Amino acid sequence: MSKQESGINLDAEPSGNGCVECLASGGWWFHLRRCAECGHIGCCDSSPSQHATKHFHETGHPVVANFEPDERWFFDYRTGQAYYGPALRPPLFHPLDQPTPGPKGKVPKNWEDLLN
């Protein structure tokens, strides 16, 4: 695979340690996803705001990588399939001391009731 093929750019750096939009708005997330094309970190579809999927619809960037520790998989929105892909530029997951769900101090006590 070339450095940028099929929605994956091996040179893209993660945009940060948490969901860009949730951090900006004071929101929270359940799990994080990383756009494999540009590095945007967004929250998963179980999260209240589903920013990773919104990023796909806004940009057309078709592949996300899981951004959680100990889970190495990609998801292609075009096919609806998960698969194992190439090693992206580190970091490959959020900091180990960052809670899931996160970020610390923003997650409501009834967070499980608020998942999609």
PDB file of N, CA and C in Angstrom:
ATOM      1  N   MET A   1       0.845  -1.170   0.000  1.00  0.00           N
ATOM      2  CA  MET A   1       0.000   0.000   0.000  1.00  0.00           C
ATOM      3  C   MET A   1       0.890   1.233   0.000  1.00  0.00           C
ATOM      4  N   SER A   2       0.549   2.225  -0.800  1.00  0.00           N
ATOM      5  CA  SER A   2       1.298   3.470  -0.817  1.00  0.00           C
ATOM      6  C   SER A   2       1.000   4.243   0.461  1.00  0.00           C
ATOM      7  N   LYS A   3       1.715   5.354   0.652  1.00  0.00           N
ATOM      8  CA  LYS A   3       1.502   6.142   1.867  1.00  0.00           C
ATOM      9  C   LYS A   3       0.092   6.692   1.953  1.00  0.00           C
ATOM     10  N   GLN A   4      -0.574   6.918   0.819  1.00  0.00           N
ATOM     11  CA  GLN A   4      -1.967   7.345   0.859  1.00  0.00           C
ATOM     12  C   GLN A   4      -2.721   6.565  -0.215  1.00  0.00           C
ATOM     13  N   GLU A   5      -3.485   5.611   0.228  1.00  0.00           N
ATOM     14  CA  GLU A   5      -4.271   4.786  -0.674  1.00  0.00           C
ATOM     15  C   GLU A   5      -5.540   4.354   0.039  1.00  0.00           C
ATOM     16  N   SER A   6      -6.615   4.382  -0.664  1.00  0.00           N
ATOM     17  CA  SER A   6      -7.872   3.868  -0.145  1.00  0.00           C
ATOM     18  C   SER A   6      -8.291   4.519   1.176  1.00  0.00           C
ATOM     19  N   GLY A   7      -8.069   5.844   1.313  1.00  0.00           N
ATOM     20  CA  GLY A   7      -8.519   6.542   2.503  1.00  0.00           C
ATOM     21  C   GLY A   7      -7.586   6.457   3.687  1.00  0.00           C
ATOM     22  N   ILE A   8      -6.379   5.957   3.497  1.00  0.00           N
ATOM     23  CA  ILE A   8      -5.414   5.842   4.592  1.00  0.00           C
ATOM     24  C   ILE A   8      -4.155   6.629   4.233  1.00  0.00           C
ATOM     25  N   ASN A   9      -3.760   7.530   5.096  1.00  0.00           N
ATOM     26  CA  ASN A   9      -2.546   8.310   4.917  1.00  0.00           C
ATOM     27  C   ASN A   9      -1.630   7.985   6.092  1.00  0.00           C
ATOM     28  N   LEU A  10      -0.566   7.238   5.831  1.00  0.00           N
ATOM     29  CA  LEU A  10       0.335   6.794   6.897  1.00  0.00           C
ATOM     30  C   LEU A  10       1.108   7.936   7.548  1.00  0.00           C
ATOM     31  N   ASP A  11       1.120   9.100   6.925  1.00  0.00           N
ATOM     32  CA  ASP A  11       1.831  10.249   7.482  1.00  0.00           C
ATOM     33  C   ASP A  11       0.959  11.151   8.352  1.00  0.00           C
ATOM     34  N   ALA A  12      -0.351  10.946   8.341  1.00  0.00           N
ATOM     35  CA  ALA A  12      -1.261  11.809   9.114  1.00  0.00           C
ATOM     36  C   ALA A  12      -1.066  11.597  10.609  1.00  0.00           C
ATOM     37  N   GLU A  13      -0.972  12.702  11.329  1.00  0.00           N
ATOM     38  CA  GLU A  13      -0.836  12.647  12.785  1.00  0.00           C
ATOM     39  C   GLU A  13      -2.197  12.817  13.441  1.00  0.00           C
ATOM     40  N   PRO A  14      -2.424  12.171  14.588  1.00  0.00           N
ATOM     41  CA  PRO A  14      -3.689  12.375  15.303  1.00  0.00           C
ATOM     42  C   PRO A  14      -3.872  13.845  15.677  1.00  0.00           C
ATOM     43  N   SER A  15      -5.114  14.310  15.631  1.00  0.00           N
ATOM     44  CA  SER A  15      -5.401  15.711  15.928  1.00  0.00           C
ATOM     45  C   SER A  15      -5.303  16.035  17.416  1.00  0.00           C
ATOM     46  N   GLY A  16      -5.189  15.027  18.256  1.00  0.00           N
ATOM     47  CA  GLY A  16      -5.084  15.232  19.698  1.00  0.00           C
ATOM     48  C   GLY A  16      -5.360  13.949  20.438  1.00  0.00           C
ATOM     49  N   ASN A  17      -5.703  14.074  21.721  1.00  0.00           N
ATOM     50  CA  ASN A  17      -5.948  12.906  22.578  1.00  0.00           C
ATOM     51  C   ASN A  17      -7.420  12.595  22.784  1.00  0.00           C
ATOM     52  N   GLY A  18      -8.289  13.475  22.298  1.00  0.00           N
ATOM     53  CA  GLY A  18      -9.718  13.280  22.501  1.00  0.00           C
ATOM     54  C   GLY A  18     -10.506  13.806  21.328  1.00  0.00           C
ATOM     55  N   CYS A  19     -11.808  13.615  21.363  1.00  0.00           N
ATOM     56  CA  CYS A  19     -12.687  14.071  20.288  1.00  0.00           C
ATOM     57  C   CYS A  19     -12.583  15.591  20.152  1.00  0.00           C
ATOM     58  N   VAL A  20     -12.201  16.029  18.974  1.00  0.00           N
ATOM     59  CA  VAL A  20     -11.991  17.449  18.719  1.00  0.00           C
ATOM     60  C   VAL A  20     -13.243  18.258  19.062  1.00  0.00           C
ATOM     61  N   GLU A  21     -14.385  17.828  18.557  1.00  0.00           N
ATOM     62  CA  GLU A  21     -15.619  18.590  18.744  1.00  0.00           C
ATOM     63  C   GLU A  21     -16.128  18.516  20.185  1.00  0.00           C
ATOM     64  N   CYS A  22     -16.030  17.357  20.826  1.00  0.00           N
ATOM     65  CA  CYS A  22     -16.465  17.240  22.222  1.00  0.00           C
ATOM     66  C   CYS A  22     -15.616  18.114  23.134  1.00  0.00           C
ATOM     67  N   LEU A  23     -14.321  18.136  22.901  1.00  0.00           N
ATOM     68  CA  LEU A  23     -13.449  18.980  23.719  1.00  0.00           C
ATOM     69  C   LEU A  23     -13.790  20.456  23.523  1.00  0.00           C
ATOM     70  N   ALA A  24     -14.093  20.835  22.297  1.00  0.00           N
ATOM     71  CA  ALA A  24     -14.411  22.237  22.007  1.00  0.00           C
ATOM     72  C   ALA A  24     -15.749  22.658  22.613  1.00  0.00           C
ATOM     73  N   SER A  25     -16.696  21.729  22.709  1.00  0.00           N
ATOM     74  CA  SER A  25     -18.036  22.070  23.181  1.00  0.00           C
ATOM     75  C   SER A  25     -18.290  21.710  24.643  1.00  0.00           C
ATOM     76  N   GLY A  26     -17.316  21.066  25.294  1.00  0.00           N
ATOM     77  CA  GLY A  26     -17.506  20.640  26.673  1.00  0.00           C
ATOM     78  C   GLY A  26     -18.250  19.321  26.791  1.00  0.00           C
ATOM     79  N   GLY A  27     -18.350  18.588  25.680  1.00  0.00           N
ATOM     80  CA  GLY A  27     -19.049  17.305  25.669  1.00  0.00           C
ATOM     81  C   GLY A  27     -18.185  16.158  26.153  1.00  0.00           C
ATOM     82  N   TRP A  28     -18.691  14.952  25.955  1.00  0.00           N
ATOM     83  CA  TRP A  28     -17.982  13.745  26.387  1.00  0.00           C
ATOM     84  C   TRP A  28     -18.182  12.648  25.350  1.00  0.00           C
ATOM     85  N   TRP A  29     -17.364  11.594  25.455  1.00  0.00           N
ATOM     86  CA  TRP A  29     -17.408  10.481  24.505  1.00  0.00           C
ATOM     87  C   TRP A  29     -17.321   9.155  25.227  1.00  0.00           C
ATOM     88  N   PHE A  30     -17.714   8.111  24.519  1.00  0.00           N
ATOM     89  CA  PHE A  30     -17.565   6.747  25.020  1.00  0.00           C
ATOM     90  C   PHE A  30     -16.239   6.178  24.520  1.00  0.00           C
ATOM     91  N   HIS A  31     -16.095   5.993  23.227  1.00  0.00           N
ATOM     92  CA  HIS A  31     -14.835   5.545  22.623  1.00  0.00           C
ATOM     93  C   HIS A  31     -14.433   6.513  21.522  1.00  0.00           C
ATOM     94  N   LEU A  32     -13.158   6.436  21.153  1.00  0.00           N
ATOM     95  CA  LEU A  32     -12.611   7.355  20.156  1.00  0.00           C
ATOM     96  C   LEU A  32     -12.222   6.632  18.872  1.00  0.00           C
ATOM     97  N   ARG A  33     -12.360   7.348  17.756  1.00  0.00           N
ATOM     98  CA  ARG A  33     -11.960   6.866  16.436  1.00  0.00           C
ATOM     99  C   ARG A  33     -11.057   7.912  15.794  1.00  0.00           C
ATOM    100  N   ARG A  34     -10.113   7.427  14.990  1.00  0.00           N
ATOM    101  CA  ARG A  34      -9.145   8.291  14.319  1.00  0.00           C
ATOM    102  C   ARG A  34      -9.345   8.188  12.812  1.00  0.00           C
ATOM    103  N   CYS A  35      -9.546   9.319  12.150  1.00  0.00           N
ATOM    104  CA  CYS A  35      -9.643   9.311  10.699  1.00  0.00           C
ATOM    105  C   CYS A  35      -8.294   8.861  10.143  1.00  0.00           C
ATOM    106  N   ALA A  36      -8.318   7.817   9.341  1.00  0.00           N
ATOM    107  CA  ALA A  36      -7.075   7.270   8.802  1.00  0.00           C
ATOM    108  C   ALA A  36      -6.512   8.129   7.678  1.00  0.00           C
ATOM    109  N   GLU A  37      -7.291   9.089   7.197  1.00  0.00           N
ATOM    110  CA  GLU A  37      -6.810   9.956   6.122  1.00  0.00           C
ATOM    111  C   GLU A  37      -6.187  11.243   6.640  1.00  0.00           C
ATOM    112  N   CYS A  38      -6.827  11.898   7.631  1.00  0.00           N
ATOM    113  CA  CYS A  38      -6.307  13.190   8.096  1.00  0.00           C
ATOM    114  C   CYS A  38      -5.914  13.210   9.569  1.00  0.00           C
ATOM    115  N   GLY A  39      -6.272  12.175  10.342  1.00  0.00           N
ATOM    116  CA  GLY A  39      -5.903  12.118  11.749  1.00  0.00           C
ATOM    117  C   GLY A  39      -6.926  12.690  12.711  1.00  0.00           C
ATOM    118  N   HIS A  40      -8.048  13.208  12.209  1.00  0.00           N
ATOM    119  CA  HIS A  40      -9.099  13.771  13.067  1.00  0.00           C
ATOM    120  C   HIS A  40      -9.538  12.734  14.091  1.00  0.00           C
ATOM    121  N   ILE A  41      -9.572  13.129  15.361  1.00  0.00           N
ATOM    122  CA  ILE A  41     -10.073  12.254  16.417  1.00  0.00           C
ATOM    123  C   ILE A  41     -11.514  12.642  16.694  1.00  0.00           C
ATOM    124  N   GLY A  42     -12.407  11.658  16.567  1.00  0.00           N
ATOM    125  CA  GLY A  42     -13.824  11.872  16.808  1.00  0.00           C
ATOM    126  C   GLY A  42     -14.371  10.771  17.692  1.00  0.00           C
ATOM    127  N   CYS A  43     -15.556  11.002  18.240  1.00  0.00           N
ATOM    128  CA  CYS A  43     -16.174  10.003  19.115  1.00  0.00           C
ATOM    129  C   CYS A  43     -16.958   8.982  18.290  1.00  0.00           C
ATOM    130  N   CYS A  44     -17.105   7.801  18.860  1.00  0.00           N
ATOM    131  CA  CYS A  44     -17.734   6.663  18.181  1.00  0.00           C
ATOM    132  C   CYS A  44     -19.245   6.820  18.071  1.00  0.00           C
ATOM    133  N   ASP A  45     -19.883   5.910  17.360  1.00  0.00           N
ATOM    134  CA  ASP A  45     -21.326   5.963  17.153  1.00  0.00           C
ATOM    135  C   ASP A  45     -22.125   5.628  18.403  1.00  0.00           C
ATOM    136  N   SER A  46     -21.516   5.044  19.419  1.00  0.00           N
ATOM    137  CA  SER A  46     -22.209   4.834  20.685  1.00  0.00           C
ATOM    138  C   SER A  46     -22.214   6.099  21.531  1.00  0.00           C
ATOM    139  N   SER A  47     -21.327   7.030  21.218  1.00  0.00           N
ATOM    140  CA  SER A  47     -21.246   8.309  21.928  1.00  0.00           C
ATOM    141  C   SER A  47     -22.436   9.185  21.556  1.00  0.00           C
ATOM    142  N   PRO A  48     -22.836  10.089  22.448  1.00  0.00           N
ATOM    143  CA  PRO A  48     -23.992  10.936  22.165  1.00  0.00           C
ATOM    144  C   PRO A  48     -23.887  11.734  20.865  1.00  0.00           C
ATOM    145  N   SER A  49     -22.699  12.226  20.514  1.00  0.00           N
ATOM    146  CA  SER A  49     -22.582  13.131  19.362  1.00  0.00           C
ATOM    147  C   SER A  49     -22.081  12.489  18.075  1.00  0.00           C
ATOM    148  N   GLN A  50     -21.511  11.315  18.125  1.00  0.00           N
ATOM    149  CA  GLN A  50     -21.107  10.553  16.931  1.00  0.00           C
ATOM    150  C   GLN A  50     -20.260  11.377  15.954  1.00  0.00           C
ATOM    151  N   HIS A  51     -19.237  12.054  16.469  1.00  0.00           N
ATOM    152  CA  HIS A  51     -18.451  12.956  15.637  1.00  0.00           C
ATOM    153  C   HIS A  51     -17.582  12.266  14.595  1.00  0.00           C
ATOM    154  N   ALA A  52     -17.144  11.039  14.816  1.00  0.00           N
ATOM    155  CA  ALA A  52     -16.335  10.359  13.803  1.00  0.00           C
ATOM    156  C   ALA A  52     -17.143  10.138  12.527  1.00  0.00           C
ATOM    157  N   THR A  53     -18.374   9.677  12.664  1.00  0.00           N
ATOM    158  CA  THR A  53     -19.224   9.464  11.490  1.00  0.00           C
ATOM    159  C   THR A  53     -19.602  10.788  10.848  1.00  0.00           C
ATOM    160  N   LYS A  54     -19.845  11.821  11.648  1.00  0.00           N
ATOM    161  CA  LYS A  54     -20.134  13.149  11.092  1.00  0.00           C
ATOM    162  C   LYS A  54     -18.942  13.650  10.279  1.00  0.00           C
ATOM    163  N   HIS A  55     -17.732  13.383  10.757  1.00  0.00           N
ATOM    164  CA  HIS A  55     -16.522  13.776  10.022  1.00  0.00           C
ATOM    165  C   HIS A  55     -16.493  13.079   8.661  1.00  0.00           C
ATOM    166  N   PHE A  56     -16.822  11.809   8.611  1.00  0.00           N
ATOM    167  CA  PHE A  56     -16.885  11.083   7.338  1.00  0.00           C
ATOM    168  C   PHE A  56     -17.885  11.754   6.392  1.00  0.00           C
ATOM    169  N   HIS A  57     -19.077  12.066   6.870  1.00  0.00           N
ATOM    170  CA  HIS A  57     -20.095  12.668   6.010  1.00  0.00           C
ATOM    171  C   HIS A  57     -19.698  14.070   5.547  1.00  0.00           C
ATOM    172  N   GLU A  58     -18.987  14.808   6.384  1.00  0.00           N
ATOM    173  CA  GLU A  58     -18.569  16.168   6.024  1.00  0.00           C
ATOM    174  C   GLU A  58     -17.379  16.187   5.072  1.00  0.00           C
ATOM    175  N   THR A  59     -16.475  15.228   5.207  1.00  0.00           N
ATOM    176  CA  THR A  59     -15.217  15.260   4.444  1.00  0.00           C
ATOM    177  C   THR A  59     -15.123  14.204   3.354  1.00  0.00           C
ATOM    178  N   GLY A  60     -15.857  13.113   3.507  1.00  0.00           N
ATOM    179  CA  GLY A  60     -15.715  11.995   2.574  1.00  0.00           C
ATOM    180  C   GLY A  60     -14.541  11.097   2.912  1.00  0.00           C
ATOM    181  N   HIS A  61     -13.853  11.361   4.011  1.00  0.00           N
ATOM    182  CA  HIS A  61     -12.740  10.494   4.427  1.00  0.00           C
ATOM    183  C   HIS A  61     -13.348   9.171   4.899  1.00  0.00           C
ATOM    184  N   PRO A  62     -13.087   8.064   4.195  1.00  0.00           N
ATOM    185  CA  PRO A  62     -13.886   6.851   4.365  1.00  0.00           C
ATOM    186  C   PRO A  62     -13.455   5.855   5.433  1.00  0.00           C
ATOM    187  N   VAL A  63     -12.256   6.009   5.995  1.00  0.00           N
ATOM    188  CA  VAL A  63     -11.740   4.971   6.892  1.00  0.00           C
ATOM    189  C   VAL A  63     -11.388   5.563   8.246  1.00  0.00           C
ATOM    190  N   VAL A  64     -11.813   4.889   9.319  1.00  0.00           N
ATOM    191  CA  VAL A  64     -11.396   5.257  10.669  1.00  0.00           C
ATOM    192  C   VAL A  64     -10.642   4.091  11.285  1.00  0.00           C
ATOM    193  N   ALA A  65      -9.741   4.435  12.178  1.00  0.00           N
ATOM    194  CA  ALA A  65      -9.031   3.434  12.977  1.00  0.00           C
ATOM    195  C   ALA A  65      -9.491   3.597  14.416  1.00  0.00           C
ATOM    196  N   ASN A  66      -9.568   2.517  15.121  1.00  0.00           N
ATOM    197  CA  ASN A  66      -9.886   2.586  16.535  1.00  0.00           C
ATOM    198  C   ASN A  66      -8.780   3.362  17.238  1.00  0.00           C
ATOM    199  N   PHE A  67      -9.118   4.196  18.219  1.00  0.00           N
ATOM    200  CA  PHE A  67      -8.133   4.980  18.960  1.00  0.00           C
ATOM    201  C   PHE A  67      -8.170   4.609  20.437  1.00  0.00           C
ATOM    202  N   GLU A  68      -8.525   3.357  20.708  1.00  0.00           N
ATOM    203  CA  GLU A  68      -8.558   2.823  22.063  1.00  0.00           C
ATOM    204  C   GLU A  68      -7.381   1.859  22.251  1.00  0.00           C
ATOM    205  N   PRO A  69      -6.807   1.793  23.466  1.00  0.00           N
ATOM    206  CA  PRO A  69      -5.699   0.871  23.711  1.00  0.00           C
ATOM    207  C   PRO A  69      -6.104  -0.591  23.475  1.00  0.00           C
ATOM    208  N   ASP A  70      -5.180  -1.371  22.986  1.00  0.00           N
ATOM    209  CA  ASP A  70      -5.328  -2.825  22.833  1.00  0.00           C
ATOM    210  C   ASP A  70      -6.377  -3.252  21.809  1.00  0.00           C
ATOM    211  N   GLU A  71      -6.798  -2.366  20.935  1.00  0.00           N
ATOM    212  CA  GLU A  71      -7.724  -2.727  19.860  1.00  0.00           C
ATOM    213  C   GLU A  71      -7.181  -2.144  18.570  1.00  0.00           C
ATOM    214  N   ARG A  72      -6.739  -2.993  17.662  1.00  0.00           N
ATOM    215  CA  ARG A  72      -6.157  -2.532  16.401  1.00  0.00           C
ATOM    216  C   ARG A  72      -7.049  -2.940  15.246  1.00  0.00           C
ATOM    217  N   TRP A  73      -7.975  -2.076  14.848  1.00  0.00           N
ATOM    218  CA  TRP A  73      -8.823  -2.362  13.711  1.00  0.00           C
ATOM    219  C   TRP A  73      -9.204  -1.067  13.008  1.00  0.00           C
ATOM    220  N   PHE A  74      -9.614  -1.225  11.771  1.00  0.00           N
ATOM    221  CA  PHE A  74     -10.081  -0.131  10.938  1.00  0.00           C
ATOM    222  C   PHE A  74     -11.530  -0.408  10.565  1.00  0.00           C
ATOM    223  N   PHE A  75     -12.253   0.648  10.176  1.00  0.00           N
ATOM    224  CA  PHE A  75     -13.616   0.493   9.676  1.00  0.00           C
ATOM    225  C   PHE A  75     -13.751   1.361   8.436  1.00  0.00           C
ATOM    226  N   ASP A  76     -14.285   0.760   7.380  1.00  0.00           N
ATOM    227  CA  ASP A  76     -14.489   1.462   6.118  1.00  0.00           C
ATOM    228  C   ASP A  76     -15.971   1.795   5.992  1.00  0.00           C
ATOM    229  N   TYR A  77     -16.307   3.080   6.022  1.00  0.00           N
ATOM    230  CA  TYR A  77     -17.699   3.507   5.918  1.00  0.00           C
ATOM    231  C   TYR A  77     -18.312   3.131   4.570  1.00  0.00           C
ATOM    232  N   ARG A  78     -17.485   3.041   3.518  1.00  0.00           N
ATOM    233  CA  ARG A  78     -18.004   2.721   2.189  1.00  0.00           C
ATOM    234  C   ARG A  78     -18.563   1.309   2.123  1.00  0.00           C
ATOM    235  N   THR A  79     -17.890   0.386   2.805  1.00  0.00           N
ATOM    236  CA  THR A  79     -18.294  -1.020   2.735  1.00  0.00           C
ATOM    237  C   THR A  79     -19.016  -1.495   3.981  1.00  0.00           C
ATOM    238  N   GLY A  80     -18.887  -0.740   5.086  1.00  0.00           N
ATOM    239  CA  GLY A  80     -19.464  -1.168   6.353  1.00  0.00           C
ATOM    240  C   GLY A  80     -18.703  -2.316   6.984  1.00  0.00           C
ATOM    241  N   GLN A  81     -17.447  -2.489   6.585  1.00  0.00           N
ATOM    242  CA  GLN A  81     -16.645  -3.611   7.058  1.00  0.00           C
ATOM    243  C   GLN A  81     -15.504  -3.147   7.959  1.00  0.00           C
ATOM    244  N   ALA A  82     -15.250  -3.932   8.991  1.00  0.00           N
ATOM    245  CA  ALA A  82     -14.075  -3.736   9.845  1.00  0.00           C
ATOM    246  C   ALA A  82     -12.976  -4.663   9.338  1.00  0.00           C
ATOM    247  N   TYR A  83     -11.731  -4.237   9.516  1.00  0.00           N
ATOM    248  CA  TYR A  83     -10.595  -5.047   9.066  1.00  0.00           C
ATOM    249  C   TYR A  83      -9.330  -4.600   9.785  1.00  0.00           C
ATOM    250  N   TYR A  84      -8.278  -5.392   9.638  1.00  0.00           N
ATOM    251  CA  TYR A  84      -6.969  -5.028  10.179  1.00  0.00           C
ATOM    252  C   TYR A  84      -6.186  -4.341   9.075  1.00  0.00           C
ATOM    253  N   GLY A  85      -5.569  -3.205   9.402  1.00  0.00           N
ATOM    254  CA  GLY A  85      -4.865  -2.420   8.403  1.00  0.00           C
ATOM    255  C   GLY A  85      -3.435  -2.147   8.802  1.00  0.00           C
ATOM    256  N   PRO A  86      -2.804  -1.225   8.084  1.00  0.00           N
ATOM    257  CA  PRO A  86      -1.387  -0.922   8.320  1.00  0.00           C
ATOM    258  C   PRO A  86      -1.177  -0.129   9.604  1.00  0.00           C
ATOM    259  N   ALA A  87       0.053  -0.067  10.042  1.00  0.00           N
ATOM    260  CA  ALA A  87       0.408   0.716  11.224  1.00  0.00           C
ATOM    261  C   ALA A  87       0.404   2.193  10.862  1.00  0.00           C
ATOM    262  N   LEU A  88      -0.370   2.971  11.596  1.00  0.00           N
ATOM    263  CA  LEU A  88      -0.416   4.409  11.400  1.00  0.00           C
ATOM    264  C   LEU A  88       0.683   5.075  12.215  1.00  0.00           C
ATOM    265  N   ARG A  89       0.858   6.358  11.983  1.00  0.00           N
ATOM    266  CA  ARG A  89       1.836   7.133  12.752  1.00  0.00           C
ATOM    267  C   ARG A  89       1.381   7.205  14.212  1.00  0.00           C
ATOM    268  N   PRO A  90       2.268   6.942  15.160  1.00  0.00           N
ATOM    269  CA  PRO A  90       1.914   7.034  16.579  1.00  0.00           C
ATOM    270  C   PRO A  90       1.551   8.460  16.967  1.00  0.00           C
ATOM    271  N   PRO A  91       0.782   8.610  18.050  1.00  0.00           N
ATOM    272  CA  PRO A  91       0.275   7.562  18.921  1.00  0.00           C
ATOM    273  C   PRO A  91      -0.911   6.832  18.285  1.00  0.00           C
ATOM    274  N   LEU A  92      -1.031   5.562  18.624  1.00  0.00           N
ATOM    275  CA  LEU A  92      -2.077   4.715  18.059  1.00  0.00           C
ATOM    276  C   LEU A  92      -3.338   4.697  18.918  1.00  0.00           C
ATOM    277  N   PHE A  93      -3.256   5.267  20.121  1.00  0.00           N
ATOM    278  CA  PHE A  93      -4.414   5.305  21.013  1.00  0.00           C
ATOM    279  C   PHE A  93      -4.256   6.462  21.983  1.00  0.00           C
ATOM    280  N   HIS A  94      -5.352   6.794  22.649  1.00  0.00           N
ATOM    281  CA  HIS A  94      -5.326   7.882  23.624  1.00  0.00           C
ATOM    282  C   HIS A  94      -4.438   7.493  24.804  1.00  0.00           C
ATOM    283  N   PRO A  95      -4.002   8.465  25.620  1.00  0.00           N
ATOM    284  CA  PRO A  95      -3.157   8.154  26.778  1.00  0.00           C
ATOM    285  C   PRO A  95      -3.831   7.147  27.708  1.00  0.00           C
ATOM    286  N   LEU A  96      -3.041   6.255  28.268  1.00  0.00           N
ATOM    287  CA  LEU A  96      -3.579   5.212  29.135  1.00  0.00           C
ATOM    288  C   LEU A  96      -4.240   5.764  30.392  1.00  0.00           C
ATOM    289  N   ASP A  97      -3.832   6.951  30.830  1.00  0.00           N
ATOM    290  CA  ASP A  97      -4.442   7.527  32.028  1.00  0.00           C
ATOM    291  C   ASP A  97      -5.721   8.315  31.721  1.00  0.00           C
ATOM    292  N   GLN A  98      -6.102   8.379  30.465  1.00  0.00           N
ATOM    293  CA  GLN A  98      -7.354   9.042  30.084  1.00  0.00           C
ATOM    294  C   GLN A  98      -8.502   8.060  30.263  1.00  0.00           C
ATOM    295  N   PRO A  99      -9.523   8.419  31.007  1.00  0.00           N
ATOM    296  CA  PRO A  99     -10.604   7.469  31.277  1.00  0.00           C
ATOM    297  C   PRO A  99     -11.485   7.203  30.057  1.00  0.00           C
ATOM    298  N   THR A 100     -12.123   6.050  30.095  1.00  0.00           N
ATOM    299  CA  THR A 100     -13.141   5.686  29.109  1.00  0.00           C
ATOM    300  C   THR A 100     -14.396   5.352  29.878  1.00  0.00           C
ATOM    301  N   PRO A 101     -15.482   6.090  29.689  1.00  0.00           N
ATOM    302  CA  PRO A 101     -15.609   7.246  28.805  1.00  0.00           C
ATOM    303  C   PRO A 101     -14.841   8.453  29.337  1.00  0.00           C
ATOM    304  N   GLY A 102     -14.721   9.446  28.499  1.00  0.00           N
ATOM    305  CA  GLY A 102     -13.955  10.626  28.857  1.00  0.00           C
ATOM    306  C   GLY A 102     -14.559  11.867  28.229  1.00  0.00           C
ATOM    307  N   PRO A 103     -13.946  12.997  28.453  1.00  0.00           N
ATOM    308  CA  PRO A 103     -12.781  13.220  29.292  1.00  0.00           C
ATOM    309  C   PRO A 103     -13.151  13.308  30.771  1.00  0.00           C
ATOM    310  N   LYS A 104     -12.151  13.170  31.593  1.00  0.00           N
ATOM    311  CA  LYS A 104     -12.352  13.218  33.034  1.00  0.00           C
ATOM    312  C   LYS A 104     -13.057  14.513  33.425  1.00  0.00           C
ATOM    313  N   GLY A 105     -14.064  14.364  34.257  1.00  0.00           N
ATOM    314  CA  GLY A 105     -14.796  15.519  34.748  1.00  0.00           C
ATOM    315  C   GLY A 105     -15.962  15.961  33.880  1.00  0.00           C
ATOM    316  N   LYS A 106     -16.124  15.384  32.696  1.00  0.00           N
ATOM    317  CA  LYS A 106     -17.206  15.781  31.785  1.00  0.00           C
ATOM    318  C   LYS A 106     -18.268  14.711  31.601  1.00  0.00           C
ATOM    319  N   VAL A 107     -18.017  13.508  32.104  1.00  0.00           N
ATOM    320  CA  VAL A 107     -18.931  12.386  31.881  1.00  0.00           C
ATOM    321  C   VAL A 107     -20.029  12.403  32.947  1.00  0.00           C
ATOM    322  N   PRO A 108     -21.296  12.441  32.534  1.00  0.00           N
ATOM    323  CA  PRO A 108     -22.381  12.446  33.515  1.00  0.00           C
ATOM    324  C   PRO A 108     -22.496  11.108  34.240  1.00  0.00           C
ATOM    325  N   LYS A 109     -23.035  11.140  35.447  1.00  0.00           N
ATOM    326  CA  LYS A 109     -23.163   9.911  36.251  1.00  0.00           C
ATOM    327  C   LYS A 109     -24.022   8.869  35.554  1.00  0.00           C
ATOM    328  N   ASN A 110     -25.009   9.292  34.792  1.00  0.00           N
ATOM    329  CA  ASN A 110     -25.893   8.356  34.095  1.00  0.00           C
ATOM    330  C   ASN A 110     -25.451   8.115  32.654  1.00  0.00           C
ATOM    331  N   TRP A 111     -24.149   8.159  32.386  1.00  0.00           N
ATOM    332  CA  TRP A 111     -23.620   8.075  31.025  1.00  0.00           C
ATOM    333  C   TRP A 111     -24.101   6.842  30.268  1.00  0.00           C
ATOM    334  N   GLU A 112     -24.244   5.711  30.969  1.00  0.00           N
ATOM    335  CA  GLU A 112     -24.685   4.482  30.286  1.00  0.00           C
ATOM    336  C   GLU A 112     -26.088   4.647  29.701  1.00  0.00           C
ATOM    337  N   ASP A 113     -26.925   5.418  30.339  1.00  0.00           N
ATOM    338  CA  ASP A 113     -28.276   5.659  29.839  1.00  0.00           C
ATOM    339  C   ASP A 113     -28.285   6.573  28.622  1.00  0.00           C
ATOM    340  N   LEU A 114     -27.181   7.275  28.380  1.00  0.00           N
ATOM    341  CA  LEU A 114     -27.117   8.254  27.309  1.00  0.00           C
ATOM    342  C   LEU A 114     -26.428   7.744  26.036  1.00  0.00           C
ATOM    343  N   LEU A 115     -25.959   6.501  26.057  1.00  0.00           N
ATOM    344  CA  LEU A 115     -25.296   5.936  24.880  1.00  0.00           C
ATOM    345  C   LEU A 115     -26.293   5.661  23.766  1.00  0.00           C
ATOM    346  N   ASN A 116     -25.823   5.725  22.548  1.00  0.00           N
ATOM    347  CA  ASN A 116     -26.662   5.386  21.384  1.00  0.00           C
ATOM    348  C   ASN A 116     -26.622   3.894  21.130  1.00  0.00           C
TER     349      ASN A 116
END
